[in-house]
Amino acid sequence: MVTQDVPEGADGYVLRTATAEDVGGARAVMLDTVYGDLESGYVPRWHADIIDPEGAYLRPPRCTLLVVLHGGEVVATGAVRDRGPQAPPNPQWVADRFPSGTTAQLCRIYVRPGHRRHGLARRLVRELGAFAARAGGYTSLYLHTDPAVPGAEPFWRSMAKEVCDERTLPGGGQGIVHFELPVPEIR
């Protein structure tokens, strides 16, 4: 849990653990991203957590949803869920490498276009990793990204280790790239 609402620097951005009051704004950021950047629209089997972020992230003890506010508006989100990737649609060996229960999956790390290039995603990743370390029992941090989203692949390559680029698989898989980050040490 992020324990205080303190802007990091003079940029006016506040990163905090989401509350029930933040859910509407967080949902708007997530839906705008899946319709805009991802161009998939809402797909129930992939995006059910967007409709019920409280059930997915606020109530389970080893999950969290972080938000970044600017001027009182939610402009970025990031979450940890306590399950690894599922097969299918992911390759079986990727699912086996990141089992549910010991894998903290980083997800919904979305920043509104007008607020990008301010280090918000990096702040979110740092705090989500710290949350996973404090929660205990996680042996890996996993995420996947759609390389078609502008800036997503280079961002993750700058922070994480590639595990599988599905574009190189026979048939191209889903075309996504799977990454791993180390679980940070608790300080």
N, C-alpha and C. Protein backbone atom coordinates (compact mmCIF):
# COMPACT_ATOMS: atom_id res chain seq x y z
N MET A 1 0.84 -1.17 0.00
CA MET A 1 0.00 0.00 0.00
C MET A 1 0.88 1.24 0.00
N VAL A 2 0.57 2.19 -0.86
CA VAL A 2 1.25 3.46 -0.86
C VAL A 2 0.65 4.23 0.31
N THR A 3 1.49 4.66 1.23
CA THR A 3 0.97 5.16 2.50
C THR A 3 0.67 6.64 2.54
N GLN A 4 1.09 7.40 1.56
CA GLN A 4 0.81 8.82 1.63
C GLN A 4 0.55 9.39 0.25
N ASP A 5 -0.23 10.47 0.20
CA ASP A 5 -0.52 11.16 -1.05
C ASP A 5 0.45 12.32 -1.17
N VAL A 6 1.64 12.05 -1.68
CA VAL A 6 2.65 13.09 -1.79
C VAL A 6 3.10 13.18 -3.24
N PRO A 7 2.98 14.36 -3.82
CA PRO A 7 3.50 14.50 -5.18
C PRO A 7 5.00 14.22 -5.18
N GLU A 8 5.47 13.52 -6.20
CA GLU A 8 6.90 13.27 -6.34
C GLU A 8 7.46 14.43 -7.15
N GLY A 9 8.10 15.35 -6.48
CA GLY A 9 8.62 16.53 -7.16
C GLY A 9 7.55 17.59 -7.28
N ALA A 10 7.84 18.56 -8.09
CA ALA A 10 6.93 19.70 -8.24
C ALA A 10 5.99 19.54 -9.43
N ASP A 11 5.87 18.32 -9.94
CA ASP A 11 5.07 18.13 -11.14
C ASP A 11 3.57 18.02 -10.88
N GLY A 12 3.17 17.96 -9.61
CA GLY A 12 1.76 17.92 -9.29
C GLY A 12 1.10 16.57 -9.40
N TYR A 13 1.84 15.52 -9.72
CA TYR A 13 1.27 14.19 -9.81
C TYR A 13 1.30 13.52 -8.45
N VAL A 14 0.21 12.87 -8.09
CA VAL A 14 0.08 12.16 -6.83
C VAL A 14 -0.21 10.70 -7.14
N LEU A 15 0.65 9.82 -6.65
CA LEU A 15 0.46 8.38 -6.83
C LEU A 15 -0.02 7.83 -5.50
N ARG A 16 -1.10 7.04 -5.55
CA ARG A 16 -1.63 6.45 -4.32
C ARG A 16 -2.37 5.16 -4.61
N THR A 17 -2.60 4.41 -3.55
CA THR A 17 -3.44 3.22 -3.64
C THR A 17 -4.87 3.69 -3.91
N ALA A 18 -5.52 3.07 -4.87
CA ALA A 18 -6.87 3.46 -5.23
C ALA A 18 -7.84 3.18 -4.09
N THR A 19 -8.84 4.03 -4.00
CA THR A 19 -9.95 3.85 -3.08
C THR A 19 -11.21 3.64 -3.91
N ALA A 20 -12.30 3.33 -3.25
CA ALA A 20 -13.57 3.15 -3.96
C ALA A 20 -13.94 4.42 -4.74
N GLU A 21 -13.54 5.58 -4.24
CA GLU A 21 -13.84 6.84 -4.92
C GLU A 21 -13.06 7.00 -6.22
N ASP A 22 -11.95 6.29 -6.37
CA ASP A 22 -11.11 6.38 -7.57
C ASP A 22 -11.54 5.42 -8.67
N VAL A 23 -12.43 4.48 -8.36
CA VAL A 23 -12.75 3.40 -9.29
C VAL A 23 -13.30 3.93 -10.61
N GLY A 24 -14.20 4.88 -10.58
CA GLY A 24 -14.77 5.42 -11.82
C GLY A 24 -13.72 6.03 -12.72
N GLY A 25 -12.83 6.83 -12.15
CA GLY A 25 -11.76 7.43 -12.94
C GLY A 25 -10.79 6.40 -13.47
N ALA A 26 -10.46 5.41 -12.64
CA ALA A 26 -9.55 4.34 -13.08
C ALA A 26 -10.19 3.56 -14.22
N ARG A 27 -11.46 3.23 -14.08
CA ARG A 27 -12.16 2.49 -15.13
C ARG A 27 -12.17 3.28 -16.44
N ALA A 28 -12.36 4.59 -16.36
CA ALA A 28 -12.36 5.43 -17.56
C ALA A 28 -11.00 5.39 -18.27
N VAL A 29 -9.91 5.49 -17.50
CA VAL A 29 -8.57 5.41 -18.09
C VAL A 29 -8.39 4.05 -18.78
N MET A 30 -8.79 2.98 -18.10
CA MET A 30 -8.62 1.63 -18.65
C MET A 30 -9.45 1.43 -19.92
N LEU A 31 -10.72 1.82 -19.88
CA LEU A 31 -11.58 1.64 -21.06
C LEU A 31 -11.11 2.51 -22.22
N ASP A 32 -10.71 3.74 -21.95
CA ASP A 32 -10.19 4.59 -23.02
C ASP A 32 -8.97 3.95 -23.66
N THR A 33 -8.14 3.28 -22.85
CA THR A 33 -6.94 2.64 -23.38
C THR A 33 -7.28 1.43 -24.23
N VAL A 34 -8.20 0.57 -23.77
CA VAL A 34 -8.51 -0.63 -24.57
C VAL A 34 -9.24 -0.27 -25.87
N TYR A 35 -9.99 0.81 -25.86
CA TYR A 35 -10.66 1.23 -27.09
C TYR A 35 -9.73 2.05 -27.98
N GLY A 36 -8.87 2.88 -27.38
CA GLY A 36 -8.00 3.76 -28.15
C GLY A 36 -6.69 3.11 -28.54
N ASP A 37 -5.78 2.94 -27.57
CA ASP A 37 -4.44 2.41 -27.86
C ASP A 37 -4.46 0.96 -28.31
N LEU A 38 -5.21 0.11 -27.59
CA LEU A 38 -5.20 -1.32 -27.91
C LEU A 38 -6.12 -1.66 -29.07
N GLU A 39 -7.11 -0.81 -29.31
CA GLU A 39 -8.08 -0.98 -30.40
C GLU A 39 -8.82 -2.31 -30.36
N SER A 40 -8.85 -2.93 -29.17
CA SER A 40 -9.58 -4.20 -29.05
C SER A 40 -11.00 -3.97 -28.59
N GLY A 41 -11.24 -2.85 -27.93
CA GLY A 41 -12.52 -2.66 -27.28
C GLY A 41 -12.61 -3.57 -26.07
N TYR A 42 -13.73 -3.49 -25.40
CA TYR A 42 -13.94 -4.32 -24.21
C TYR A 42 -14.22 -5.76 -24.62
N VAL A 43 -13.40 -6.69 -24.14
CA VAL A 43 -13.58 -8.12 -24.39
C VAL A 43 -13.74 -8.76 -23.02
N PRO A 44 -14.93 -9.25 -22.68
CA PRO A 44 -15.18 -9.75 -21.32
C PRO A 44 -14.14 -10.73 -20.78
N ARG A 45 -13.69 -11.67 -21.58
CA ARG A 45 -12.74 -12.67 -21.05
C ARG A 45 -11.37 -12.06 -20.76
N TRP A 46 -11.04 -10.93 -21.36
CA TRP A 46 -9.76 -10.28 -21.11
C TRP A 46 -9.88 -9.11 -20.13
N HIS A 47 -11.03 -8.48 -20.07
CA HIS A 47 -11.15 -7.20 -19.39
C HIS A 47 -12.20 -7.15 -18.27
N ALA A 48 -12.61 -8.29 -17.74
CA ALA A 48 -13.63 -8.29 -16.68
C ALA A 48 -13.18 -7.48 -15.47
N ASP A 49 -11.89 -7.45 -15.20
CA ASP A 49 -11.37 -6.67 -14.07
C ASP A 49 -11.60 -5.18 -14.24
N ILE A 50 -11.72 -4.71 -15.46
CA ILE A 50 -11.96 -3.29 -15.71
C ILE A 50 -13.36 -2.91 -15.23
N ILE A 51 -14.31 -3.79 -15.42
CA ILE A 51 -15.68 -3.52 -15.00
C ILE A 51 -15.81 -3.60 -13.48
N ASP A 52 -15.06 -4.50 -12.85
CA ASP A 52 -15.13 -4.67 -11.40
C ASP A 52 -13.74 -4.55 -10.76
N PRO A 53 -13.13 -3.36 -10.81
CA PRO A 53 -11.80 -3.21 -10.21
C PRO A 53 -11.80 -3.41 -8.70
N GLU A 54 -12.91 -3.11 -8.04
CA GLU A 54 -12.95 -3.34 -6.59
C GLU A 54 -12.80 -4.82 -6.28
N GLY A 55 -13.56 -5.66 -6.99
CA GLY A 55 -13.47 -7.10 -6.77
C GLY A 55 -12.15 -7.69 -7.23
N ALA A 56 -11.58 -7.12 -8.27
CA ALA A 56 -10.33 -7.65 -8.82
C ALA A 56 -9.10 -7.17 -8.05
N TYR A 57 -9.11 -5.93 -7.56
CA TYR A 57 -7.88 -5.36 -7.02
C TYR A 57 -7.98 -4.76 -5.61
N LEU A 58 -9.13 -4.24 -5.24
CA LEU A 58 -9.21 -3.56 -3.94
C LEU A 58 -9.51 -4.51 -2.79
N ARG A 59 -10.28 -5.56 -3.03
CA ARG A 59 -10.64 -6.48 -1.95
C ARG A 59 -9.63 -7.61 -1.72
N PRO A 60 -9.11 -8.26 -2.76
CA PRO A 60 -8.16 -9.36 -2.50
C PRO A 60 -6.89 -8.84 -1.83
N PRO A 61 -6.42 -9.51 -0.79
CA PRO A 61 -5.30 -8.98 -0.01
C PRO A 61 -3.96 -8.94 -0.75
N ARG A 62 -3.76 -9.77 -1.75
CA ARG A 62 -2.46 -9.79 -2.44
C ARG A 62 -2.53 -9.11 -3.80
N CYS A 63 -3.56 -8.29 -3.98
CA CYS A 63 -3.75 -7.53 -5.22
C CYS A 63 -3.84 -6.05 -4.85
N THR A 64 -3.58 -5.21 -5.83
CA THR A 64 -3.72 -3.78 -5.58
C THR A 64 -3.98 -3.05 -6.89
N LEU A 65 -4.54 -1.88 -6.75
CA LEU A 65 -4.72 -0.95 -7.87
C LEU A 65 -4.15 0.39 -7.41
N LEU A 66 -3.21 0.91 -8.17
CA LEU A 66 -2.66 2.23 -7.90
C LEU A 66 -3.18 3.20 -8.94
N VAL A 67 -3.34 4.43 -8.54
CA VAL A 67 -3.75 5.49 -9.46
C VAL A 67 -2.79 6.66 -9.32
N VAL A 68 -2.68 7.40 -10.40
CA VAL A 68 -1.96 8.66 -10.38
C VAL A 68 -2.98 9.74 -10.68
N LEU A 69 -3.01 10.74 -9.81
CA LEU A 69 -3.93 11.85 -9.99
C LEU A 69 -3.17 13.12 -10.36
N HIS A 70 -3.83 13.93 -11.15
CA HIS A 70 -3.30 15.25 -11.49
C HIS A 70 -4.49 16.19 -11.49
N GLY A 71 -4.43 17.20 -10.64
CA GLY A 71 -5.57 18.09 -10.52
C GLY A 71 -6.83 17.38 -10.06
N GLY A 72 -6.67 16.32 -9.27
CA GLY A 72 -7.81 15.57 -8.75
C GLY A 72 -8.39 14.55 -9.71
N GLU A 73 -7.86 14.46 -10.93
CA GLU A 73 -8.36 13.52 -11.94
C GLU A 73 -7.40 12.33 -12.06
N VAL A 74 -7.97 11.12 -12.18
CA VAL A 74 -7.15 9.93 -12.40
C VAL A 74 -6.61 10.00 -13.83
N VAL A 75 -5.27 9.99 -13.96
CA VAL A 75 -4.65 10.08 -15.28
C VAL A 75 -3.81 8.85 -15.61
N ALA A 76 -3.61 7.95 -14.64
CA ALA A 76 -2.83 6.74 -14.88
C ALA A 76 -3.23 5.67 -13.87
N THR A 77 -3.06 4.42 -14.29
CA THR A 77 -3.39 3.28 -13.44
C THR A 77 -2.30 2.23 -13.53
N GLY A 78 -2.25 1.37 -12.54
CA GLY A 78 -1.38 0.20 -12.55
C GLY A 78 -1.88 -0.75 -11.49
N ALA A 79 -1.78 -2.05 -11.77
CA ALA A 79 -2.33 -3.03 -10.85
C ALA A 79 -1.43 -4.24 -10.73
N VAL A 80 -1.63 -4.97 -9.62
CA VAL A 80 -1.03 -6.29 -9.41
C VAL A 80 -2.19 -7.25 -9.21
N ARG A 81 -2.16 -8.34 -9.95
CA ARG A 81 -3.10 -9.44 -9.71
C ARG A 81 -2.28 -10.65 -9.31
N ASP A 82 -2.90 -11.53 -8.54
CA ASP A 82 -2.18 -12.66 -7.96
C ASP A 82 -2.30 -13.93 -8.78
N ARG A 83 -2.27 -13.79 -10.08
CA ARG A 83 -2.31 -14.97 -10.92
C ARG A 83 -1.42 -14.76 -12.14
N GLY A 84 -0.87 -15.87 -12.59
CA GLY A 84 -0.02 -15.83 -13.76
C GLY A 84 -0.84 -15.92 -15.03
N PRO A 85 -0.15 -15.92 -16.17
CA PRO A 85 -0.84 -16.02 -17.45
C PRO A 85 -1.47 -17.40 -17.62
N GLN A 86 -2.55 -17.45 -18.32
CA GLN A 86 -3.27 -18.70 -18.54
C GLN A 86 -2.98 -19.26 -19.93
N ALA A 87 -3.00 -20.57 -20.04
CA ALA A 87 -2.84 -21.24 -21.34
C ALA A 87 -4.07 -22.09 -21.59
N PRO A 88 -4.66 -22.00 -22.77
CA PRO A 88 -4.48 -20.90 -23.71
C PRO A 88 -5.10 -19.62 -23.16
N PRO A 89 -4.87 -18.51 -23.72
CA PRO A 89 -4.30 -18.24 -25.03
C PRO A 89 -2.77 -18.14 -25.04
N ASN A 90 -2.14 -18.06 -23.86
CA ASN A 90 -0.69 -17.94 -23.83
C ASN A 90 -0.04 -19.30 -24.02
N PRO A 91 1.22 -19.31 -24.47
CA PRO A 91 1.92 -20.60 -24.61
C PRO A 91 1.97 -21.33 -23.27
N GLN A 92 1.81 -22.64 -23.30
CA GLN A 92 1.78 -23.43 -22.08
C GLN A 92 3.06 -23.26 -21.26
N TRP A 93 4.20 -23.21 -21.91
CA TRP A 93 5.46 -23.09 -21.17
C TRP A 93 5.56 -21.75 -20.44
N VAL A 94 4.93 -20.69 -20.99
CA VAL A 94 4.93 -19.39 -20.30
C VAL A 94 4.04 -19.50 -19.06
N ALA A 95 2.87 -20.11 -19.21
CA ALA A 95 1.97 -20.30 -18.06
C ALA A 95 2.64 -21.15 -16.99
N ASP A 96 3.36 -22.18 -17.39
CA ASP A 96 4.04 -23.05 -16.43
C ASP A 96 5.15 -22.30 -15.69
N ARG A 97 5.82 -21.40 -16.37
CA ARG A 97 6.93 -20.63 -15.76
C ARG A 97 6.42 -19.64 -14.72
N PHE A 98 5.19 -19.16 -14.91
CA PHE A 98 4.62 -18.13 -14.02
C PHE A 98 3.31 -18.62 -13.40
N PRO A 99 3.38 -19.55 -12.45
CA PRO A 99 2.15 -20.12 -11.89
C PRO A 99 1.39 -19.12 -11.00
N SER A 100 0.09 -19.27 -11.02
CA SER A 100 -0.74 -18.46 -10.13
C SER A 100 -0.37 -18.76 -8.68
N GLY A 101 -0.47 -17.73 -7.85
CA GLY A 101 -0.14 -17.88 -6.44
C GLY A 101 1.25 -17.38 -6.10
N THR A 102 2.23 -17.70 -6.97
CA THR A 102 3.59 -17.22 -6.71
C THR A 102 4.02 -16.15 -7.73
N THR A 103 3.12 -15.83 -8.65
CA THR A 103 3.41 -14.81 -9.66
C THR A 103 2.56 -13.58 -9.39
N ALA A 104 3.22 -12.43 -9.32
CA ALA A 104 2.53 -11.15 -9.27
C ALA A 104 2.49 -10.63 -10.70
N GLN A 105 1.31 -10.56 -11.28
CA GLN A 105 1.19 -10.07 -12.65
C GLN A 105 0.92 -8.57 -12.62
N LEU A 106 1.80 -7.82 -13.26
CA LEU A 106 1.60 -6.39 -13.41
C LEU A 106 0.66 -6.18 -14.58
N CYS A 107 -0.37 -5.38 -14.38
CA CYS A 107 -1.33 -5.17 -15.45
C CYS A 107 -1.96 -3.79 -15.35
N ARG A 108 -2.65 -3.44 -16.41
CA ARG A 108 -3.40 -2.17 -16.50
C ARG A 108 -2.51 -0.96 -16.21
N ILE A 109 -1.26 -1.04 -16.64
CA ILE A 109 -0.36 0.11 -16.49
C ILE A 109 -0.60 1.00 -17.70
N TYR A 110 -1.51 1.94 -17.49
CA TYR A 110 -2.00 2.82 -18.56
C TYR A 110 -1.85 4.27 -18.12
N VAL A 111 -1.41 5.11 -19.05
CA VAL A 111 -1.25 6.54 -18.80
C VAL A 111 -1.97 7.28 -19.92
N ARG A 112 -2.81 8.22 -19.54
CA ARG A 112 -3.52 9.01 -20.55
C ARG A 112 -2.49 9.72 -21.44
N PRO A 113 -2.78 9.81 -22.76
CA PRO A 113 -1.80 10.37 -23.69
C PRO A 113 -1.24 11.74 -23.29
N GLY A 114 -2.04 12.62 -22.78
CA GLY A 114 -1.56 13.95 -22.41
C GLY A 114 -0.66 13.97 -21.19
N HIS A 115 -0.50 12.84 -20.54
CA HIS A 115 0.32 12.76 -19.32
C HIS A 115 1.50 11.81 -19.48
N ARG A 116 1.74 11.38 -20.68
CA ARG A 116 2.88 10.48 -20.93
C ARG A 116 4.17 11.29 -20.96
N ARG A 117 5.28 10.57 -20.78
CA ARG A 117 6.62 11.15 -20.81
C ARG A 117 6.90 12.00 -19.56
N HIS A 118 6.23 11.64 -18.46
CA HIS A 118 6.48 12.28 -17.16
C HIS A 118 7.00 11.28 -16.13
N GLY A 119 7.33 10.07 -16.57
CA GLY A 119 7.84 9.05 -15.66
C GLY A 119 6.78 8.37 -14.82
N LEU A 120 5.51 8.55 -15.18
CA LEU A 120 4.43 7.98 -14.37
C LEU A 120 4.42 6.46 -14.42
N ALA A 121 4.62 5.87 -15.58
CA ALA A 121 4.62 4.41 -15.68
C ALA A 121 5.77 3.83 -14.86
N ARG A 122 6.92 4.45 -14.90
CA ARG A 122 8.06 3.96 -14.10
C ARG A 122 7.76 4.05 -12.61
N ARG A 123 7.13 5.13 -12.20
CA ARG A 123 6.74 5.26 -10.78
C ARG A 123 5.77 4.14 -10.40
N LEU A 124 4.80 3.90 -11.27
CA LEU A 124 3.82 2.84 -10.99
C LEU A 124 4.51 1.48 -10.89
N VAL A 125 5.40 1.17 -11.82
CA VAL A 125 6.08 -0.12 -11.79
C VAL A 125 6.90 -0.27 -10.51
N ARG A 126 7.59 0.78 -10.12
CA ARG A 126 8.39 0.73 -8.88
C ARG A 126 7.49 0.45 -7.67
N GLU A 127 6.37 1.14 -7.55
CA GLU A 127 5.47 0.96 -6.41
C GLU A 127 4.75 -0.39 -6.46
N LEU A 128 4.40 -0.85 -7.66
CA LEU A 128 3.77 -2.17 -7.77
C LEU A 128 4.73 -3.27 -7.37
N GLY A 129 5.99 -3.14 -7.77
CA GLY A 129 7.00 -4.11 -7.35
C GLY A 129 7.18 -4.12 -5.84
N ALA A 130 7.20 -2.93 -5.24
CA ALA A 130 7.33 -2.83 -3.79
C ALA A 130 6.12 -3.46 -3.10
N PHE A 131 4.93 -3.25 -3.65
CA PHE A 131 3.73 -3.88 -3.09
C PHE A 131 3.88 -5.40 -3.11
N ALA A 132 4.29 -5.96 -4.26
CA ALA A 132 4.43 -7.41 -4.39
C ALA A 132 5.44 -7.94 -3.38
N ALA A 133 6.54 -7.21 -3.19
CA ALA A 133 7.56 -7.65 -2.23
C ALA A 133 6.99 -7.66 -0.81
N ARG A 134 6.25 -6.62 -0.44
CA ARG A 134 5.67 -6.53 0.90
C ARG A 134 4.57 -7.57 1.11
N ALA A 135 3.82 -7.88 0.04
CA ALA A 135 2.73 -8.86 0.14
C ALA A 135 3.28 -10.23 0.50
N GLY A 136 4.47 -10.54 0.03
CA GLY A 136 5.11 -11.82 0.34
C GLY A 136 4.58 -12.96 -0.49
N GLY A 137 5.41 -13.97 -0.67
CA GLY A 137 5.01 -15.17 -1.38
C GLY A 137 5.16 -15.11 -2.88
N TYR A 138 5.47 -13.96 -3.42
CA TYR A 138 5.67 -13.85 -4.86
C TYR A 138 7.13 -14.11 -5.19
N THR A 139 7.36 -14.96 -6.19
CA THR A 139 8.72 -15.26 -6.62
C THR A 139 9.08 -14.58 -7.93
N SER A 140 8.08 -14.04 -8.62
CA SER A 140 8.37 -13.34 -9.87
C SER A 140 7.31 -12.29 -10.16
N LEU A 141 7.72 -11.29 -10.93
CA LEU A 141 6.82 -10.27 -11.46
C LEU A 141 6.73 -10.53 -12.96
N TYR A 142 5.54 -10.70 -13.44
CA TYR A 142 5.29 -11.03 -14.84
C TYR A 142 4.41 -9.95 -15.46
N LEU A 143 4.58 -9.73 -16.75
CA LEU A 143 3.68 -8.86 -17.50
C LEU A 143 3.76 -9.24 -18.97
N HIS A 144 2.77 -8.83 -19.70
CA HIS A 144 2.84 -8.93 -21.16
C HIS A 144 2.39 -7.60 -21.74
N THR A 145 2.82 -7.35 -22.97
CA THR A 145 2.46 -6.11 -23.61
C THR A 145 2.17 -6.34 -25.09
N ASP A 146 1.39 -5.46 -25.63
CA ASP A 146 1.07 -5.48 -27.05
C ASP A 146 2.05 -4.52 -27.74
N PRO A 147 2.95 -5.04 -28.57
CA PRO A 147 3.94 -4.16 -29.19
C PRO A 147 3.35 -3.18 -30.19
N ALA A 148 2.08 -3.33 -30.54
CA ALA A 148 1.43 -2.38 -31.44
C ALA A 148 1.11 -1.06 -30.75
N VAL A 149 1.11 -1.05 -29.41
CA VAL A 149 0.83 0.18 -28.67
C VAL A 149 2.08 1.07 -28.74
N PRO A 150 1.95 2.28 -29.21
CA PRO A 150 3.13 3.16 -29.35
C PRO A 150 3.88 3.30 -28.02
N GLY A 151 5.17 3.01 -28.06
CA GLY A 151 6.03 3.19 -26.89
C GLY A 151 6.04 2.05 -25.90
N ALA A 152 5.08 1.12 -25.97
CA ALA A 152 4.98 0.07 -24.95
C ALA A 152 6.18 -0.88 -24.98
N GLU A 153 6.51 -1.39 -26.13
CA GLU A 153 7.60 -2.37 -26.19
C GLU A 153 8.93 -1.77 -25.78
N PRO A 154 9.33 -0.60 -26.29
CA PRO A 154 10.60 -0.03 -25.84
C PRO A 154 10.61 0.28 -24.34
N PHE A 155 9.48 0.72 -23.81
CA PHE A 155 9.40 0.99 -22.37
C PHE A 155 9.72 -0.27 -21.58
N TRP A 156 9.03 -1.38 -21.90
CA TRP A 156 9.23 -2.60 -21.13
C TRP A 156 10.61 -3.19 -21.37
N ARG A 157 11.14 -3.07 -22.56
CA ARG A 157 12.50 -3.57 -22.82
C ARG A 157 13.53 -2.79 -22.00
N SER A 158 13.23 -1.55 -21.66
CA SER A 158 14.16 -0.75 -20.86
C SER A 158 14.15 -1.15 -19.38
N MET A 159 13.14 -1.90 -18.96
CA MET A 159 12.98 -2.23 -17.54
C MET A 159 12.98 -3.71 -17.22
N ALA A 160 12.61 -4.54 -18.19
CA ALA A 160 12.33 -5.94 -17.90
C ALA A 160 13.07 -6.85 -18.88
N LYS A 161 13.07 -8.12 -18.55
CA LYS A 161 13.73 -9.13 -19.38
C LYS A 161 12.67 -9.85 -20.21
N GLU A 162 12.89 -9.91 -21.51
CA GLU A 162 11.97 -10.63 -22.39
C GLU A 162 12.01 -12.12 -22.08
N VAL A 163 10.83 -12.72 -22.00
CA VAL A 163 10.70 -14.15 -21.80
C VAL A 163 10.25 -14.83 -23.10
N CYS A 164 9.33 -14.19 -23.81
CA CYS A 164 8.80 -14.77 -25.05
C CYS A 164 8.21 -13.66 -25.91
N ASP A 165 8.69 -13.58 -27.14
CA ASP A 165 8.10 -12.68 -28.12
C ASP A 165 7.27 -13.57 -29.04
N GLU A 166 5.96 -13.54 -28.88
CA GLU A 166 5.10 -14.44 -29.63
C GLU A 166 5.16 -14.22 -31.14
N ARG A 167 5.63 -13.06 -31.55
CA ARG A 167 5.74 -12.80 -32.99
C ARG A 167 6.73 -13.75 -33.65
N THR A 168 7.64 -14.33 -32.85
CA THR A 168 8.64 -15.25 -33.39
C THR A 168 8.16 -16.71 -33.38
N LEU A 169 7.02 -16.97 -32.79
CA LEU A 169 6.48 -18.33 -32.73
C LEU A 169 5.82 -18.70 -34.06
N PRO A 170 5.75 -19.98 -34.38
CA PRO A 170 5.01 -20.38 -35.58
C PRO A 170 3.58 -19.85 -35.51
N GLY A 171 3.17 -19.16 -36.53
CA GLY A 171 1.83 -18.58 -36.57
C GLY A 171 1.72 -17.25 -35.85
N GLY A 172 2.76 -16.82 -35.13
CA GLY A 172 2.77 -15.51 -34.48
C GLY A 172 2.02 -15.41 -33.18
N GLY A 173 1.44 -16.53 -32.70
CA GLY A 173 0.72 -16.48 -31.42
C GLY A 173 -0.28 -15.35 -31.41
N GLN A 174 -0.35 -14.65 -30.27
CA GLN A 174 -1.22 -13.48 -30.14
C GLN A 174 -0.49 -12.20 -30.54
N GLY A 175 0.81 -12.34 -30.82
CA GLY A 175 1.59 -11.17 -31.20
C GLY A 175 2.04 -10.34 -30.02
N ILE A 176 1.92 -10.87 -28.81
CA ILE A 176 2.32 -10.10 -27.63
C ILE A 176 3.71 -10.53 -27.16
N VAL A 177 4.28 -9.71 -26.29
CA VAL A 177 5.60 -10.00 -25.75
C VAL A 177 5.46 -10.16 -24.24
N HIS A 178 6.02 -11.25 -23.70
CA HIS A 178 5.98 -11.56 -22.28
C HIS A 178 7.30 -11.14 -21.64
N PHE A 179 7.22 -10.55 -20.45
CA PHE A 179 8.39 -10.05 -19.74
C PHE A 179 8.38 -10.48 -18.29
N GLU A 180 9.56 -10.43 -17.68
CA GLU A 180 9.72 -10.70 -16.25
C GLU A 180 10.60 -9.62 -15.64
N LEU A 181 10.26 -9.25 -14.42
CA LEU A 181 11.09 -8.36 -13.61
C LEU A 181 11.40 -9.06 -12.31
N PRO A 182 12.52 -8.72 -11.68
CA PRO A 182 12.80 -9.33 -10.37
C PRO A 182 11.88 -8.74 -9.31
N VAL A 183 11.55 -9.55 -8.32
CA VAL A 183 10.80 -9.04 -7.17
C VAL A 183 11.81 -8.22 -6.35
N PRO A 184 11.52 -6.97 -6.07
CA PRO A 184 12.47 -6.16 -5.32
C PRO A 184 12.66 -6.68 -3.90
N GLU A 185 13.83 -6.40 -3.34
CA GLU A 185 14.08 -6.75 -1.95
C GLU A 185 13.36 -5.74 -1.06
N ILE A 186 12.82 -6.22 0.04
CA ILE A 186 12.15 -5.33 0.99
C ILE A 186 13.21 -4.60 1.78
N ARG A 187 13.08 -3.31 1.87
CA ARG A 187 14.07 -2.50 2.61
C ARG A 187 13.47 -1.92 3.85
